[in-house]
């Protein structure tokens, strides 16, 4: 098993000890949860070699191991210990995020912490704790949303493991996430989510296409691209609804009328999303089944909004990744 307390974990523990009085139980559970995940890591090679490892898990981890090496050799992504270990955390999600927004606003509530800075959600390693926080916020009049997260990245600050929560994904989606998260380690601009996610999505797309071509299963790339395009269509519908809701919230109508128009627009958005999913034949995502409100919409970002620009950047580089990464780095340094 990988040692629990490497030097970075020791430094984090020291910092946490000095600020826990400022952040209380929330920060304590966050650190304990992270340490627990790191403690459960085992090198992928050891898990594969173990006689009691189920054969289907062996196959998935062999896929991860091969894709991780491909990310270094062919995609020029960081060669480090990220995604070289496996952790079974014995639950369906690694964390549950809580989002909140006022009844008549799409501006999410922000929480600020001494180490993490300010973010528009609170993450809990316990679903029950997340639900309790959501209930408190709802009692204060906020729209709230809770969502389970199967994977998250520490952007290379720790050696992130592959989790059992990721094993239910399709093969293509599993390796896509690996390429995406490693791309954040290649280039990350603090405070520019749109740039970061579009860049990582471009690297993910490049990586998946080259991976599938190398294994002579090109047909799967079309299915992967179709899923991505469907997601973009759904987010376009969300963006349109957000614009119209912002107009409603900025109007001078009374609260009762505003509440009625809000619910009508959310109902229309739900119908539009369900119609697109019916046509595609895809299952409804959990966030749609749970219902729509300001908090749910505030948590959504058009992560792929600048993807066409990065595709063009790659084309201008004649598909050369060294050139592409260099061009993206120069772009990131502009205002």
C-alpha atoms as a PDB file:
ATOM      1  CA  UNK A   1       0.000   0.000   0.000  1.00  0.00           C
ATOM      2  CA  UNK A   2       1.235   3.508  -0.765  1.00  0.00           C
ATOM      3  CA  UNK A   3       2.363   5.245   2.453  1.00  0.00           C
ATOM      4  CA  UNK A   4      -0.291   7.464   3.953  1.00  0.00           C
ATOM      5  CA  UNK A   5       1.873  10.361   5.007  1.00  0.00           C
ATOM      6  CA  UNK A   6       4.052  11.524   2.158  1.00  0.00           C
ATOM      7  CA  UNK A   7       5.576  14.965   2.606  1.00  0.00           C
ATOM      8  CA  UNK A   8       2.672  16.791   0.961  1.00  0.00           C
ATOM      9  CA  UNK A   9       0.137  15.122   3.245  1.00  0.00           C
ATOM     10  CA  UNK A  10       2.226  16.065   6.278  1.00  0.00           C
ATOM     11  CA  UNK A  11       2.279  19.704   5.173  1.00  0.00           C
ATOM     12  CA  UNK A  12      -1.490  19.702   4.648  1.00  0.00           C
ATOM     13  CA  UNK A  13      -2.073  18.151   8.082  1.00  0.00           C
ATOM     14  CA  UNK A  14       0.067  20.854   9.714  1.00  0.00           C
ATOM     15  CA  UNK A  15      -1.809  23.640   7.927  1.00  0.00           C
ATOM     16  CA  UNK A  16      -5.164  22.114   8.820  1.00  0.00           C
ATOM     17  CA  UNK A  17      -4.190  21.862  12.457  1.00  0.00           C
ATOM     18  CA  UNK A  18      -3.511  25.593  12.530  1.00  0.00           C
ATOM     19  CA  UNK A  19      -6.779  26.672  10.885  1.00  0.00           C
ATOM     20  CA  UNK A  20      -9.338  24.121  12.010  1.00  0.00           C
ATOM     21  CA  UNK A  21     -10.652  26.561  14.611  1.00  0.00           C
ATOM     22  CA  UNK A  22     -11.471  28.949  11.770  1.00  0.00           C
ATOM     23  CA  UNK A  23     -13.365  26.475   9.615  1.00  0.00           C
ATOM     24  CA  UNK A  24     -14.738  24.082  12.224  1.00  0.00           C
ATOM     25  CA  UNK A  25     -16.046  20.615  11.528  1.00  0.00           C
ATOM     26  CA  UNK A  26     -16.459  21.160   7.785  1.00  0.00           C
ATOM     27  CA  UNK A  27     -12.746  21.520   7.150  1.00  0.00           C
ATOM     28  CA  UNK A  28     -11.987  18.626   9.471  1.00  0.00           C
ATOM     29  CA  UNK A  29     -14.230  16.236   7.552  1.00  0.00           C
ATOM     30  CA  UNK A  30     -12.750  17.391   4.243  1.00  0.00           C
ATOM     31  CA  UNK A  31      -9.209  16.653   5.333  1.00  0.00           C
ATOM     32  CA  UNK A  32     -10.157  13.363   6.956  1.00  0.00           C
ATOM     33  CA  UNK A  33     -11.981  12.341   3.802  1.00  0.00           C
ATOM     34  CA  UNK A  34      -8.995  13.155   1.599  1.00  0.00           C
ATOM     35  CA  UNK A  35      -6.632  11.305   3.916  1.00  0.00           C
ATOM     36  CA  UNK A  36      -8.945   8.289   3.921  1.00  0.00           C
ATOM     37  CA  UNK A  37      -8.940   8.153   0.117  1.00  0.00           C
ATOM     38  CA  UNK A  38      -5.158   8.410   0.023  1.00  0.00           C
ATOM     39  CA  UNK A  39      -4.798   5.770   2.729  1.00  0.00           C
ATOM     40  CA  UNK A  40      -6.811   3.243   0.701  1.00  0.00           C
ATOM     41  CA  UNK A  41      -4.611   3.537  -2.396  1.00  0.00           C
ATOM     42  CA  UNK A  42      -2.876   0.443  -3.692  1.00  0.00           C
ATOM     43  CA  UNK A  43      -0.567   0.311  -6.734  1.00  0.00           C
ATOM     44  CA  UNK A  44      -2.526  -0.852  -9.767  1.00  0.00           C
ATOM     45  CA  UNK A  45       0.069  -3.516 -10.587  1.00  0.00           C
ATOM     46  CA  UNK A  46      -0.394  -5.051  -7.127  1.00  0.00           C
ATOM     47  CA  UNK A  47      -4.179  -5.060  -7.428  1.00  0.00           C
ATOM     48  CA  UNK A  48      -3.964  -6.734 -10.839  1.00  0.00           C
ATOM     49  CA  UNK A  49      -1.542  -9.366  -9.528  1.00  0.00           C
ATOM     50  CA  UNK A  50      -3.595 -10.202  -6.434  1.00  0.00           C
ATOM     51  CA  UNK A  51      -5.303 -13.608  -6.660  1.00  0.00           C
ATOM     52  CA  UNK A  52      -8.557 -12.339  -5.117  1.00  0.00           C
ATOM     53  CA  UNK A  53      -9.068  -9.436  -7.549  1.00  0.00           C
ATOM     54  CA  UNK A  54     -12.202 -10.032  -9.688  1.00  0.00           C
ATOM     55  CA  UNK A  55     -11.432 -10.643 -13.355  1.00  0.00           C
ATOM     56  CA  UNK A  56     -13.586  -7.742 -14.557  1.00  0.00           C
ATOM     57  CA  UNK A  57     -11.708  -5.328 -12.283  1.00  0.00           C
ATOM     58  CA  UNK A  58      -8.400  -6.719 -13.554  1.00  0.00           C
ATOM     59  CA  UNK A  59      -9.488  -5.941 -17.127  1.00  0.00           C
ATOM     60  CA  UNK A  60     -10.531  -2.381 -16.272  1.00  0.00           C
ATOM     61  CA  UNK A  61      -7.301  -1.677 -14.390  1.00  0.00           C
ATOM     62  CA  UNK A  62      -5.230  -3.085 -17.244  1.00  0.00           C
ATOM     63  CA  UNK A  63      -7.091  -0.648 -19.486  1.00  0.00           C
ATOM     64  CA  UNK A  64      -6.278   2.208 -17.104  1.00  0.00           C
ATOM     65  CA  UNK A  65      -2.619   1.184 -16.935  1.00  0.00           C
ATOM     66  CA  UNK A  66      -2.316   1.056 -20.716  1.00  0.00           C
ATOM     67  CA  UNK A  67      -4.138   4.370 -21.159  1.00  0.00           C
ATOM     68  CA  UNK A  68      -1.951   6.016 -18.519  1.00  0.00           C
ATOM     69  CA  UNK A  69       1.201   5.007 -20.382  1.00  0.00           C
ATOM     70  CA  UNK A  70      -0.384   6.154 -23.648  1.00  0.00           C
ATOM     71  CA  UNK A  71      -1.031   9.554 -22.061  1.00  0.00           C
ATOM     72  CA  UNK A  72       2.711   9.932 -21.496  1.00  0.00           C
ATOM     73  CA  UNK A  73       4.073   8.434 -24.702  1.00  0.00           C
ATOM     74  CA  UNK A  74       1.550   9.800 -27.185  1.00  0.00           C
ATOM     75  CA  UNK A  75      -0.165  12.769 -25.524  1.00  0.00           C
ATOM     76  CA  UNK A  76       2.898  14.175 -23.724  1.00  0.00           C
ATOM     77  CA  UNK A  77       0.968  14.465 -20.458  1.00  0.00           C
ATOM     78  CA  UNK A  78       2.686  14.492 -17.038  1.00  0.00           C
ATOM     79  CA  UNK A  79       4.639  11.386 -16.059  1.00  0.00           C
ATOM     80  CA  UNK A  80       3.897  11.199 -12.337  1.00  0.00           C
ATOM     81  CA  UNK A  81       2.088   8.968  -9.828  1.00  0.00           C
ATOM     82  CA  UNK A  82      -1.425  10.191 -10.629  1.00  0.00           C
ATOM     83  CA  UNK A  83      -3.788   7.359 -11.648  1.00  0.00           C
ATOM     84  CA  UNK A  84      -1.200   4.663 -11.030  1.00  0.00           C
ATOM     85  CA  UNK A  85      -3.010   3.449  -7.930  1.00  0.00           C
ATOM     86  CA  UNK A  86      -6.498   2.158  -7.146  1.00  0.00           C
ATOM     87  CA  UNK A  87      -8.712   2.833  -4.132  1.00  0.00           C
ATOM     88  CA  UNK A  88     -11.931   1.059  -3.221  1.00  0.00           C
ATOM     89  CA  UNK A  89     -13.727   3.537  -0.985  1.00  0.00           C
ATOM     90  CA  UNK A  90     -16.743   1.211  -0.601  1.00  0.00           C
ATOM     91  CA  UNK A  91     -19.427   3.685  -1.651  1.00  0.00           C
ATOM     92  CA  UNK A  92     -21.054   4.941  -4.864  1.00  0.00           C
ATOM     93  CA  UNK A  93     -19.601   8.462  -4.778  1.00  0.00           C
ATOM     94  CA  UNK A  94     -16.421   9.899  -3.373  1.00  0.00           C
ATOM     95  CA  UNK A  95     -17.975  13.245  -2.373  1.00  0.00           C
ATOM     96  CA  UNK A  96     -21.347  14.986  -2.451  1.00  0.00           C
ATOM     97  CA  UNK A  97     -21.385  18.659  -3.453  1.00  0.00           C
ATOM     98  CA  UNK A  98     -23.924  21.101  -2.051  1.00  0.00           C
ATOM     99  CA  UNK A  99     -24.921  24.117  -4.160  1.00  0.00           C
ATOM    100  CA  UNK A 100     -27.129  26.994  -3.069  1.00  0.00           C
ATOM    101  CA  UNK A 101     -28.590  30.136  -4.641  1.00  0.00           C
ATOM    102  CA  UNK A 102     -31.213  32.710  -3.604  1.00  0.00           C
ATOM    103  CA  UNK A 103     -34.801  32.113  -4.672  1.00  0.00           C
ATOM    104  CA  UNK A 104     -34.642  34.852  -7.288  1.00  0.00           C
ATOM    105  CA  UNK A 105     -31.011  34.785  -8.410  1.00  0.00           C
ATOM    106  CA  UNK A 106     -28.645  32.535 -10.358  1.00  0.00           C
ATOM    107  CA  UNK A 107     -25.648  33.843  -8.437  1.00  0.00           C
ATOM    108  CA  UNK A 108     -24.399  30.868  -6.402  1.00  0.00           C
ATOM    109  CA  UNK A 109     -23.564  31.136  -2.739  1.00  0.00           C
ATOM    110  CA  UNK A 110     -19.792  31.184  -2.153  1.00  0.00           C
ATOM    111  CA  UNK A 111     -17.787  29.663   0.650  1.00  0.00           C
ATOM    112  CA  UNK A 112     -14.241  30.749   1.407  1.00  0.00           C
ATOM    113  CA  UNK A 113     -11.554  28.732   3.155  1.00  0.00           C
ATOM    114  CA  UNK A 114      -7.982  29.579   4.195  1.00  0.00           C
ATOM    115  CA  UNK A 115      -6.393  26.994   1.874  1.00  0.00           C
ATOM    116  CA  UNK A 116      -8.897  26.311  -0.899  1.00  0.00           C
ATOM    117  CA  UNK A 117      -9.948  29.919  -1.424  1.00  0.00           C
ATOM    118  CA  UNK A 118     -13.521  30.755  -2.476  1.00  0.00           C
ATOM    119  CA  UNK A 119     -15.709  28.203  -4.259  1.00  0.00           C
ATOM    120  CA  UNK A 120     -19.410  28.015  -5.115  1.00  0.00           C
ATOM    121  CA  UNK A 121     -20.103  24.680  -3.430  1.00  0.00           C
ATOM    122  CA  UNK A 122     -19.308  22.683  -0.325  1.00  0.00           C
ATOM    123  CA  UNK A 123     -18.075  19.133  -0.737  1.00  0.00           C
ATOM    124  CA  UNK A 124     -18.787  16.443   1.840  1.00  0.00           C
ATOM    125  CA  UNK A 125     -17.358  12.934   2.073  1.00  0.00           C
ATOM    126  CA  UNK A 126     -20.629  11.881   3.742  1.00  0.00           C
ATOM    127  CA  UNK A 127     -23.982  12.066   1.936  1.00  0.00           C
ATOM    128  CA  UNK A 128     -25.823  12.471   5.244  1.00  0.00           C
ATOM    129  CA  UNK A 129     -23.677  15.495   6.129  1.00  0.00           C
ATOM    130  CA  UNK A 130     -24.326  17.002   2.691  1.00  0.00           C
ATOM    131  CA  UNK A 131     -28.069  16.525   3.075  1.00  0.00           C
ATOM    132  CA  UNK A 132     -28.013  18.150   6.527  1.00  0.00           C
ATOM    133  CA  UNK A 133     -26.204  21.193   5.142  1.00  0.00           C
ATOM    134  CA  UNK A 134     -28.670  21.391   2.243  1.00  0.00           C
ATOM    135  CA  UNK A 135     -31.612  21.282   4.649  1.00  0.00           C
ATOM    136  CA  UNK A 136     -30.168  24.161   6.677  1.00  0.00           C
ATOM    137  CA  UNK A 137     -29.718  26.272   3.561  1.00  0.00           C
ATOM    138  CA  UNK A 138     -33.223  25.468   2.359  1.00  0.00           C
ATOM    139  CA  UNK A 139     -34.653  26.545   5.715  1.00  0.00           C
ATOM    140  CA  UNK A 140     -32.958  29.906   5.136  1.00  0.00           C
ATOM    141  CA  UNK A 141     -34.863  30.344   1.867  1.00  0.00           C
ATOM    142  CA  UNK A 142     -32.230  29.178  -0.606  1.00  0.00           C
ATOM    143  CA  UNK A 143     -32.716  26.945  -3.605  1.00  0.00           C
ATOM    144  CA  UNK A 144     -30.413  23.970  -2.994  1.00  0.00           C
ATOM    145  CA  UNK A 145     -29.021  21.054  -4.989  1.00  0.00           C
ATOM    146  CA  UNK A 146     -26.970  18.050  -3.923  1.00  0.00           C
ATOM    147  CA  UNK A 147     -24.990  15.954  -6.384  1.00  0.00           C
ATOM    148  CA  UNK A 148     -22.800  12.883  -5.966  1.00  0.00           C
ATOM    149  CA  UNK A 149     -19.349  13.050  -7.572  1.00  0.00           C
ATOM    150  CA  UNK A 150     -17.629   9.878  -8.779  1.00  0.00           C
ATOM    151  CA  UNK A 151     -14.180  11.432  -9.196  1.00  0.00           C
ATOM    152  CA  UNK A 152     -12.294  14.637  -8.493  1.00  0.00           C
ATOM    153  CA  UNK A 153      -8.795  15.901  -9.076  1.00  0.00           C
ATOM    154  CA  UNK A 154      -6.271  17.595  -6.821  1.00  0.00           C
ATOM    155  CA  UNK A 155      -4.520  18.984  -9.930  1.00  0.00           C
ATOM    156  CA  UNK A 156      -1.351  17.050  -9.208  1.00  0.00           C
ATOM    157  CA  UNK A 157      -0.962  18.239  -5.612  1.00  0.00           C
ATOM    158  CA  UNK A 158      -1.468  14.610  -4.566  1.00  0.00           C
ATOM    159  CA  UNK A 159      -1.124  11.321  -6.425  1.00  0.00           C
ATOM    160  CA  UNK A 160      -4.796  10.854  -7.281  1.00  0.00           C
ATOM    161  CA  UNK A 161      -5.948   7.227  -7.474  1.00  0.00           C
ATOM    162  CA  UNK A 162      -8.461   5.634  -9.798  1.00  0.00           C
ATOM    163  CA  UNK A 163     -11.547   4.957  -7.674  1.00  0.00           C
ATOM    164  CA  UNK A 164     -14.059   2.122  -7.593  1.00  0.00           C
ATOM    165  CA  UNK A 165     -16.718   4.798  -8.223  1.00  0.00           C
ATOM    166  CA  UNK A 166     -15.250   5.249 -11.726  1.00  0.00           C
ATOM    167  CA  UNK A 167     -15.451   1.578 -12.647  1.00  0.00           C
ATOM    168  CA  UNK A 168     -19.116   1.736 -13.653  1.00  0.00           C
ATOM    169  CA  UNK A 169     -18.308   4.058 -16.563  1.00  0.00           C
ATOM    170  CA  UNK A 170     -17.908   2.817 -20.113  1.00  0.00           C
ATOM    171  CA  UNK A 171     -14.305   2.190 -21.204  1.00  0.00           C
ATOM    172  CA  UNK A 172     -14.166   5.278 -23.409  1.00  0.00           C
ATOM    173  CA  UNK A 173     -15.535   7.534 -20.683  1.00  0.00           C
ATOM    174  CA  UNK A 174     -13.070   6.139 -18.156  1.00  0.00           C
ATOM    175  CA  UNK A 175      -9.998   6.896 -20.240  1.00  0.00           C
ATOM    176  CA  UNK A 176     -11.493  10.231 -21.322  1.00  0.00           C
ATOM    177  CA  UNK A 177     -11.594  11.342 -17.680  1.00  0.00           C
ATOM    178  CA  UNK A 178      -7.964  10.286 -17.190  1.00  0.00           C
ATOM    179  CA  UNK A 179      -6.848  12.371 -20.185  1.00  0.00           C
ATOM    180  CA  UNK A 180      -9.027  15.308 -19.123  1.00  0.00           C
ATOM    181  CA  UNK A 181      -7.722  15.471 -15.557  1.00  0.00           C
ATOM    182  CA  UNK A 182      -4.099  15.022 -16.624  1.00  0.00           C
ATOM    183  CA  UNK A 183      -4.565  17.899 -19.067  1.00  0.00           C
ATOM    184  CA  UNK A 184      -5.322  20.153 -16.075  1.00  0.00           C
ATOM    185  CA  UNK A 185      -1.891  19.215 -14.731  1.00  0.00           C
ATOM    186  CA  UNK A 186      -0.356  20.190 -18.090  1.00  0.00           C
ATOM    187  CA  UNK A 187      -1.920  23.666 -18.174  1.00  0.00           C
ATOM    188  CA  UNK A 188      -4.177  25.353 -15.642  1.00  0.00           C
ATOM    189  CA  UNK A 189      -5.075  29.037 -15.360  1.00  0.00           C
ATOM    190  CA  UNK A 190      -6.257  30.044 -11.914  1.00  0.00           C
ATOM    191  CA  UNK A 191      -9.671  31.683 -11.985  1.00  0.00           C
ATOM    192  CA  UNK A 192     -10.532  30.885 -15.619  1.00  0.00           C
ATOM    193  CA  UNK A 193     -12.828  27.857 -15.573  1.00  0.00           C
ATOM    194  CA  UNK A 194     -13.957  28.351 -19.157  1.00  0.00           C
ATOM    195  CA  UNK A 195     -10.403  28.255 -20.510  1.00  0.00           C
ATOM    196  CA  UNK A 196      -9.323  25.362 -18.301  1.00  0.00           C
ATOM    197  CA  UNK A 197     -12.261  23.107 -19.053  1.00  0.00           C
ATOM    198  CA  UNK A 198     -12.284  23.798 -22.778  1.00  0.00           C
ATOM    199  CA  UNK A 199      -8.537  23.117 -22.995  1.00  0.00           C
ATOM    200  CA  UNK A 200      -8.883  19.878 -21.012  1.00  0.00           C
ATOM    201  CA  UNK A 201     -11.867  18.850 -23.142  1.00  0.00           C
ATOM    202  CA  UNK A 202      -9.793  19.397 -26.277  1.00  0.00           C
ATOM    203  CA  UNK A 203      -6.944  17.249 -24.938  1.00  0.00           C
ATOM    204  CA  UNK A 204      -9.488  14.637 -23.879  1.00  0.00           C
ATOM    205  CA  UNK A 205     -10.990  14.573 -27.371  1.00  0.00           C
ATOM    206  CA  UNK A 206      -7.562  14.365 -29.032  1.00  0.00           C
ATOM    207  CA  UNK A 207      -6.526  11.613 -26.664  1.00  0.00           C
ATOM    208  CA  UNK A 208      -9.653   9.509 -27.079  1.00  0.00           C
ATOM    209  CA  UNK A 209      -9.502   9.702 -30.881  1.00  0.00           C
ATOM    210  CA  UNK A 210      -5.824   8.735 -30.990  1.00  0.00           C
ATOM    211  CA  UNK A 211      -6.311   6.002 -28.405  1.00  0.00           C
ATOM    212  CA  UNK A 212      -9.176   4.407 -30.311  1.00  0.00           C
ATOM    213  CA  UNK A 213      -7.317   4.706 -33.617  1.00  0.00           C
ATOM    214  CA  UNK A 214      -4.285   3.014 -32.100  1.00  0.00           C
ATOM    215  CA  UNK A 215      -6.485   0.107 -31.031  1.00  0.00           C
ATOM    216  CA  UNK A 216      -8.332   0.056 -34.372  1.00  0.00           C
ATOM    217  CA  UNK A 217     -11.756   0.745 -32.863  1.00  0.00           C
ATOM    218  CA  UNK A 218     -12.456   4.052 -34.603  1.00  0.00           C
ATOM    219  CA  UNK A 219     -16.232   3.496 -34.635  1.00  0.00           C
ATOM    220  CA  UNK A 220     -16.390   4.089 -30.882  1.00  0.00           C
ATOM    221  CA  UNK A 221     -15.085   7.617 -31.370  1.00  0.00           C
ATOM    222  CA  UNK A 222     -18.224   8.603 -33.275  1.00  0.00           C
ATOM    223  CA  UNK A 223     -20.387   7.361 -30.410  1.00  0.00           C
ATOM    224  CA  UNK A 224     -18.199   9.272 -27.958  1.00  0.00           C
ATOM    225  CA  UNK A 225     -18.446  12.466 -30.057  1.00  0.00           C
ATOM    226  CA  UNK A 226     -22.234  12.069 -30.287  1.00  0.00           C
ATOM    227  CA  UNK A 227     -22.506  11.895 -26.489  1.00  0.00           C
ATOM    228  CA  UNK A 228     -20.416  15.041 -26.165  1.00  0.00           C
ATOM    229  CA  UNK A 229     -22.525  16.871 -28.729  1.00  0.00           C
ATOM    230  CA  UNK A 230     -25.707  15.818 -26.923  1.00  0.00           C
ATOM    231  CA  UNK A 231     -24.315  17.209 -23.686  1.00  0.00           C
ATOM    232  CA  UNK A 232     -23.553  20.483 -25.457  1.00  0.00           C
ATOM    233  CA  UNK A 233     -27.112  20.639 -26.832  1.00  0.00           C
ATOM    234  CA  UNK A 234     -28.494  20.167 -23.330  1.00  0.00           C
ATOM    235  CA  UNK A 235     -26.217  22.876 -21.941  1.00  0.00           C
ATOM    236  CA  UNK A 236     -27.308  25.241 -24.713  1.00  0.00           C
ATOM    237  CA  UNK A 237     -30.902  24.788 -23.552  1.00  0.00           C
ATOM    238  CA  UNK A 238     -29.782  25.488 -19.989  1.00  0.00           C
ATOM    239  CA  UNK A 239     -27.946  28.635 -21.119  1.00  0.00           C
ATOM    240  CA  UNK A 240     -31.076  29.938 -22.865  1.00  0.00           C
ATOM    241  CA  UNK A 241     -33.176  29.304 -19.759  1.00  0.00           C
ATOM    242  CA  UNK A 242     -30.607  31.035 -17.570  1.00  0.00           C
ATOM    243  CA  UNK A 243     -30.760  34.152 -19.764  1.00  0.00           C
ATOM    244  CA  UNK A 244     -34.548  34.290 -19.586  1.00  0.00           C
ATOM    245  CA  UNK A 245     -34.593  33.641 -15.842  1.00  0.00           C
ATOM    246  CA  UNK A 246     -32.119  36.472 -15.268  1.00  0.00           C
ATOM    247  CA  UNK A 247     -34.497  38.777 -17.142  1.00  0.00           C
ATOM    248  CA  UNK A 248     -37.367  37.628 -14.916  1.00  0.00           C
ATOM    249  CA  UNK A 249     -35.352  38.177 -11.732  1.00  0.00           C
ATOM    250  CA  UNK A 250     -34.286  41.667 -12.796  1.00  0.00           C
ATOM    251  CA  UNK A 251     -37.863  42.746 -13.560  1.00  0.00           C
ATOM    252  CA  UNK A 252     -40.020  44.836 -11.237  1.00  0.00           C
ATOM    253  CA  UNK A 253     -42.902  42.341 -10.904  1.00  0.00           C
ATOM    254  CA  UNK A 254     -43.979  41.163  -7.458  1.00  0.00           C
ATOM    255  CA  UNK A 255     -42.647  38.096  -5.702  1.00  0.00           C
ATOM    256  CA  UNK A 256     -45.705  35.944  -6.381  1.00  0.00           C
ATOM    257  CA  UNK A 257     -45.666  36.701 -10.110  1.00  0.00           C
ATOM    258  CA  UNK A 258     -41.902  36.214 -10.248  1.00  0.00           C
ATOM    259  CA  UNK A 259     -42.193  32.856  -8.494  1.00  0.00           C
ATOM    260  CA  UNK A 260     -44.894  31.741 -10.928  1.00  0.00           C
ATOM    261  CA  UNK A 261     -42.876  32.758 -14.003  1.00  0.00           C
ATOM    262  CA  UNK A 262     -39.783  31.103 -12.565  1.00  0.00           C
ATOM    263  CA  UNK A 263     -41.541  27.773 -12.122  1.00  0.00           C
ATOM    264  CA  UNK A 264     -43.075  27.963 -15.582  1.00  0.00           C
ATOM    265  CA  UNK A 265     -39.655  28.566 -17.193  1.00  0.00           C
ATOM    266  CA  UNK A 266     -38.048  25.748 -15.217  1.00  0.00           C
ATOM    267  CA  UNK A 267     -40.891  23.441 -16.261  1.00  0.00           C
ATOM    268  CA  UNK A 268     -40.343  24.361 -19.917  1.00  0.00           C
ATOM    269  CA  UNK A 269     -36.611  23.728 -19.565  1.00  0.00           C
ATOM    270  CA  UNK A 270     -37.274  20.320 -18.021  1.00  0.00           C
ATOM    271  CA  UNK A 271     -39.623  19.445 -20.895  1.00  0.00           C
ATOM    272  CA  UNK A 272     -37.067  20.594 -23.477  1.00  0.00           C
ATOM    273  CA  UNK A 273     -34.285  18.558 -21.882  1.00  0.00           C
ATOM    274  CA  UNK A 274     -36.439  15.446 -21.630  1.00  0.00           C
ATOM    275  CA  UNK A 275     -37.458  15.802 -25.274  1.00  0.00           C
ATOM    276  CA  UNK A 276     -33.816  15.936 -26.404  1.00  0.00           C
ATOM    277  CA  UNK A 277     -33.015  12.873 -24.311  1.00  0.00           C
ATOM    278  CA  UNK A 278     -36.002  10.983 -25.710  1.00  0.00           C
ATOM    279  CA  UNK A 279     -34.801  11.622 -29.254  1.00  0.00           C
ATOM    280  CA  UNK A 280     -31.275  10.514 -28.388  1.00  0.00           C
ATOM    281  CA  UNK A 281     -32.382   7.415 -26.496  1.00  0.00           C
ATOM    282  CA  UNK A 282     -30.076   8.292 -23.583  1.00  0.00           C
ATOM    283  CA  UNK A 283     -30.992   7.852 -19.919  1.00  0.00           C
ATOM    284  CA  UNK A 284     -31.955  10.853 -17.813  1.00  0.00           C
ATOM    285  CA  UNK A 285     -29.089  12.213 -15.729  1.00  0.00           C
ATOM    286  CA  UNK A 286     -29.559  12.257 -11.982  1.00  0.00           C
ATOM    287  CA  UNK A 287     -29.540  16.064 -11.843  1.00  0.00           C
ATOM    288  CA  UNK A 288     -32.586  16.214 -14.096  1.00  0.00           C
ATOM    289  CA  UNK A 289     -34.493  13.579 -12.149  1.00  0.00           C
ATOM    290  CA  UNK A 290     -33.899  15.512  -8.912  1.00  0.00           C
ATOM    291  CA  UNK A 291     -35.614  18.606 -10.298  1.00  0.00           C
ATOM    292  CA  UNK A 292     -34.409  21.995 -11.523  1.00  0.00           C
ATOM    293  CA  UNK A 293     -33.942  25.173  -9.510  1.00  0.00           C
ATOM    294  CA  UNK A 294     -31.554  28.119  -9.319  1.00  0.00           C
ATOM    295  CA  UNK A 295     -28.924  26.159  -7.425  1.00  0.00           C
ATOM    296  CA  UNK A 296     -28.893  23.368 -10.003  1.00  0.00           C
ATOM    297  CA  UNK A 297     -28.597  25.825 -12.903  1.00  0.00           C
ATOM    298  CA  UNK A 298     -25.941  27.844 -11.087  1.00  0.00           C
ATOM    299  CA  UNK A 299     -23.818  24.709 -10.779  1.00  0.00           C
ATOM    300  CA  UNK A 300     -23.763  24.215 -14.557  1.00  0.00           C
ATOM    301  CA  UNK A 301     -21.086  25.781 -16.726  1.00  0.00           C
ATOM    302  CA  UNK A 302     -20.559  25.595 -20.472  1.00  0.00           C
ATOM    303  CA  UNK A 303     -17.282  23.738 -20.040  1.00  0.00           C
ATOM    304  CA  UNK A 304     -16.897  23.132 -23.776  1.00  0.00           C
ATOM    305  CA  UNK A 305     -17.786  26.651 -24.897  1.00  0.00           C
ATOM    306  CA  UNK A 306     -14.280  27.339 -26.294  1.00  0.00           C
ATOM    307  CA  UNK A 307     -13.658  23.836 -27.577  1.00  0.00           C
ATOM    308  CA  UNK A 308     -13.980  24.878 -31.266  1.00  0.00           C
ATOM    309  CA  UNK A 309     -11.167  27.413 -30.730  1.00  0.00           C
ATOM    310  CA  UNK A 310      -8.857  24.750 -29.354  1.00  0.00           C
ATOM    311  CA  UNK A 311      -9.744  22.409 -32.220  1.00  0.00           C
ATOM    312  CA  UNK A 312      -8.679  25.158 -34.620  1.00  0.00           C
ATOM    313  CA  UNK A 313      -5.502  25.695 -32.614  1.00  0.00           C
ATOM    314  CA  UNK A 314      -4.623  22.027 -33.089  1.00  0.00           C
ATOM    315  CA  UNK A 315      -5.416  22.202 -36.806  1.00  0.00           C
ATOM    316  CA  UNK A 316      -3.192  25.271 -37.163  1.00  0.00           C
ATOM    317  CA  UNK A 317      -0.411  23.203 -35.589  1.00  0.00           C
ATOM    318  CA  UNK A 318      -0.977  20.381 -38.089  1.00  0.00           C
ATOM    319  CA  UNK A 319      -1.984  18.081 -35.206  1.00  0.00           C
ATOM    320  CA  UNK A 320       1.430  18.461 -33.538  1.00  0.00           C
ATOM    321  CA  UNK A 321       0.898  18.342 -29.772  1.00  0.00           C
ATOM    322  CA  UNK A 322       4.104  20.166 -28.819  1.00  0.00           C
ATOM    323  CA  UNK A 323       3.006  23.057 -31.004  1.00  0.00           C
ATOM    324  CA  UNK A 324      -0.548  22.866 -29.635  1.00  0.00           C
ATOM    325  CA  UNK A 325       0.528  22.974 -26.000  1.00  0.00           C
ATOM    326  CA  UNK A 326       2.870  25.860 -26.709  1.00  0.00           C
ATOM    327  CA  UNK A 327       0.149  27.826 -28.481  1.00  0.00           C
ATOM    328  CA  UNK A 328      -2.318  27.136 -25.665  1.00  0.00           C
ATOM    329  CA  UNK A 329       0.244  28.311 -23.103  1.00  0.00           C
ATOM    330  CA  UNK A 330       0.746  31.587 -24.990  1.00  0.00           C
ATOM    331  CA  UNK A 331      -3.014  32.009 -25.227  1.00  0.00           C
ATOM    332  CA  UNK A 332      -3.361  31.460 -21.477  1.00  0.00           C
ATOM    333  CA  UNK A 333      -0.966  34.350 -20.773  1.00  0.00           C
ATOM    334  CA  UNK A 334      -3.107  36.913 -22.584  1.00  0.00           C
ATOM    335  CA  UNK A 335      -5.536  39.143 -20.647  1.00  0.00           C
END
